[in-house]
Amino acid sequence: MLSKEKLARISELSKKSKSTGLSIEEAKEQSALRKEYLETFRATMRDTIESVKIVDPAGNDVTPLKVQEAKKGKFLN
């Protein structure tokens, strides 16, 4: 998870870009922070999806094959 300070800085840079614009250094910082945020978000979402098991009303595992394969690959690595 991204720190509260980094999230606050992303918001601060976003507001500034809308109002007065960003310097080149600030634009680079904003880009790097956004990239880090997206990587963290995607990793968290991937872990969440891979930990889900879907069961139908009859009790059968109907988890999509792609998710099952991702789980297997995760445990093999």
C-alpha atoms as a PDB file:
ATOM      1  CA  MET A   1       0.000   0.000   0.000  1.00  0.00           C
ATOM      2  CA  LEU A   2       1.187   3.483  -0.771  1.00  0.00           C
ATOM      3  CA  SER A   3       1.942   5.704   2.199  1.00  0.00           C
ATOM      4  CA  LYS A   4      -0.456   8.452   3.211  1.00  0.00           C
ATOM      5  CA  GLU A   5       2.234  11.014   2.412  1.00  0.00           C
ATOM      6  CA  LYS A   6       2.579   9.775  -1.160  1.00  0.00           C
ATOM      7  CA  LEU A   7      -1.189   9.704  -1.670  1.00  0.00           C
ATOM      8  CA  ALA A   8      -1.438  13.241  -0.325  1.00  0.00           C
ATOM      9  CA  ARG A   9       1.363  14.343  -2.655  1.00  0.00           C
ATOM     10  CA  ILE A  10      -0.447  12.805  -5.653  1.00  0.00           C
ATOM     11  CA  SER A  11      -3.570  14.771  -4.733  1.00  0.00           C
ATOM     12  CA  GLU A  12      -1.587  17.943  -4.172  1.00  0.00           C
ATOM     13  CA  LEU A  13       0.123  17.695  -7.565  1.00  0.00           C
ATOM     14  CA  SER A  14      -3.172  16.917  -9.270  1.00  0.00           C
ATOM     15  CA  LYS A  15      -4.814  20.027  -7.801  1.00  0.00           C
ATOM     16  CA  LYS A  16      -1.838  22.162  -8.723  1.00  0.00           C
ATOM     17  CA  SER A  17      -1.785  20.847 -12.294  1.00  0.00           C
ATOM     18  CA  LYS A  18      -5.428  21.864 -12.699  1.00  0.00           C
ATOM     19  CA  SER A  19      -4.984  25.322 -11.221  1.00  0.00           C
ATOM     20  CA  THR A  20      -1.553  26.726 -12.073  1.00  0.00           C
ATOM     21  CA  GLY A  21       0.253  23.936 -13.902  1.00  0.00           C
ATOM     22  CA  LEU A  22       3.301  21.924 -12.940  1.00  0.00           C
ATOM     23  CA  SER A  23       7.000  22.510 -13.416  1.00  0.00           C
ATOM     24  CA  ILE A  24       8.959  19.872 -15.318  1.00  0.00           C
ATOM     25  CA  GLU A  25      10.266  18.372 -12.061  1.00  0.00           C
ATOM     26  CA  GLU A  26       6.786  18.255 -10.550  1.00  0.00           C
ATOM     27  CA  ALA A  27       5.381  16.616 -13.695  1.00  0.00           C
ATOM     28  CA  LYS A  28       8.098  13.941 -13.503  1.00  0.00           C
ATOM     29  CA  GLU A  29       7.358  13.410  -9.804  1.00  0.00           C
ATOM     30  CA  GLN A  30       3.639  13.144 -10.516  1.00  0.00           C
ATOM     31  CA  SER A  31       4.256  10.611 -13.271  1.00  0.00           C
ATOM     32  CA  ALA A  32       6.503   8.492 -11.033  1.00  0.00           C
ATOM     33  CA  LEU A  33       4.001   8.592  -8.152  1.00  0.00           C
ATOM     34  CA  ARG A  34       1.119   7.643 -10.432  1.00  0.00           C
ATOM     35  CA  LYS A  35       3.132   4.746 -11.852  1.00  0.00           C
ATOM     36  CA  GLU A  36       3.943   3.503  -8.340  1.00  0.00           C
ATOM     37  CA  TYR A  37       0.290   3.855  -7.322  1.00  0.00           C
ATOM     38  CA  LEU A  38      -0.944   1.864 -10.333  1.00  0.00           C
ATOM     39  CA  GLU A  39       1.621  -0.897  -9.791  1.00  0.00           C
ATOM     40  CA  THR A  40       0.566  -1.207  -6.153  1.00  0.00           C
ATOM     41  CA  PHE A  41      -3.133  -1.163  -7.047  1.00  0.00           C
ATOM     42  CA  ARG A  42      -2.727  -3.812  -9.743  1.00  0.00           C
ATOM     43  CA  ALA A  43      -0.694  -6.102  -7.490  1.00  0.00           C
ATOM     44  CA  THR A  44      -3.278  -5.827  -4.715  1.00  0.00           C
ATOM     45  CA  MET A  45      -6.154  -6.442  -7.137  1.00  0.00           C
ATOM     46  CA  ARG A  46      -4.358  -9.436  -8.670  1.00  0.00           C
ATOM     47  CA  ASP A  47      -3.811 -10.963  -5.214  1.00  0.00           C
ATOM     48  CA  THR A  48      -7.461 -10.396  -4.324  1.00  0.00           C
ATOM     49  CA  ILE A  49      -8.760 -11.994  -7.515  1.00  0.00           C
ATOM     50  CA  GLU A  50      -6.400 -14.952  -7.223  1.00  0.00           C
ATOM     51  CA  SER A  51      -7.590 -15.669  -3.689  1.00  0.00           C
ATOM     52  CA  VAL A  52     -11.278 -15.854  -4.679  1.00  0.00           C
ATOM     53  CA  LYS A  53     -13.059 -19.174  -5.003  1.00  0.00           C
ATOM     54  CA  ILE A  54     -16.453 -19.185  -6.703  1.00  0.00           C
ATOM     55  CA  VAL A  55     -18.946 -21.869  -5.720  1.00  0.00           C
ATOM     56  CA  ASP A  56     -22.340 -22.408  -7.354  1.00  0.00           C
ATOM     57  CA  PRO A  57     -25.508 -23.179  -5.330  1.00  0.00           C
ATOM     58  CA  ALA A  58     -24.866 -26.919  -5.720  1.00  0.00           C
ATOM     59  CA  GLY A  59     -21.471 -26.558  -4.049  1.00  0.00           C
ATOM     60  CA  ASN A  60     -19.381 -27.026  -7.195  1.00  0.00           C
ATOM     61  CA  ASP A  61     -16.234 -24.999  -7.663  1.00  0.00           C
ATOM     62  CA  VAL A  62     -16.872 -22.822 -10.744  1.00  0.00           C
ATOM     63  CA  THR A  63     -13.835 -20.574 -10.389  1.00  0.00           C
ATOM     64  CA  PRO A  64     -12.712 -19.503 -13.869  1.00  0.00           C
ATOM     65  CA  LEU A  65      -9.884 -21.624 -15.266  1.00  0.00           C
ATOM     66  CA  LYS A  66      -7.641 -18.608 -15.721  1.00  0.00           C
ATOM     67  CA  VAL A  67      -7.884 -17.786 -12.012  1.00  0.00           C
ATOM     68  CA  GLN A  68      -7.247 -21.417 -11.050  1.00  0.00           C
ATOM     69  CA  GLU A  69      -4.133 -21.479 -13.249  1.00  0.00           C
ATOM     70  CA  ALA A  70      -2.900 -18.216 -11.738  1.00  0.00           C
ATOM     71  CA  LYS A  71      -3.290 -19.716  -8.255  1.00  0.00           C
ATOM     72  CA  LYS A  72      -1.315 -22.818  -9.281  1.00  0.00           C
ATOM     73  CA  GLY A  73       1.438 -20.715 -10.798  1.00  0.00           C
ATOM     74  CA  LYS A  74       1.623 -18.599  -7.670  1.00  0.00           C
ATOM     75  CA  PHE A  75       2.112 -21.629  -5.446  1.00  0.00           C
ATOM     76  CA  LEU A  76       4.674 -23.210  -7.775  1.00  0.00           C
ATOM     77  CA  ASN A  77       6.933 -20.127  -7.835  1.00  0.00           C
END
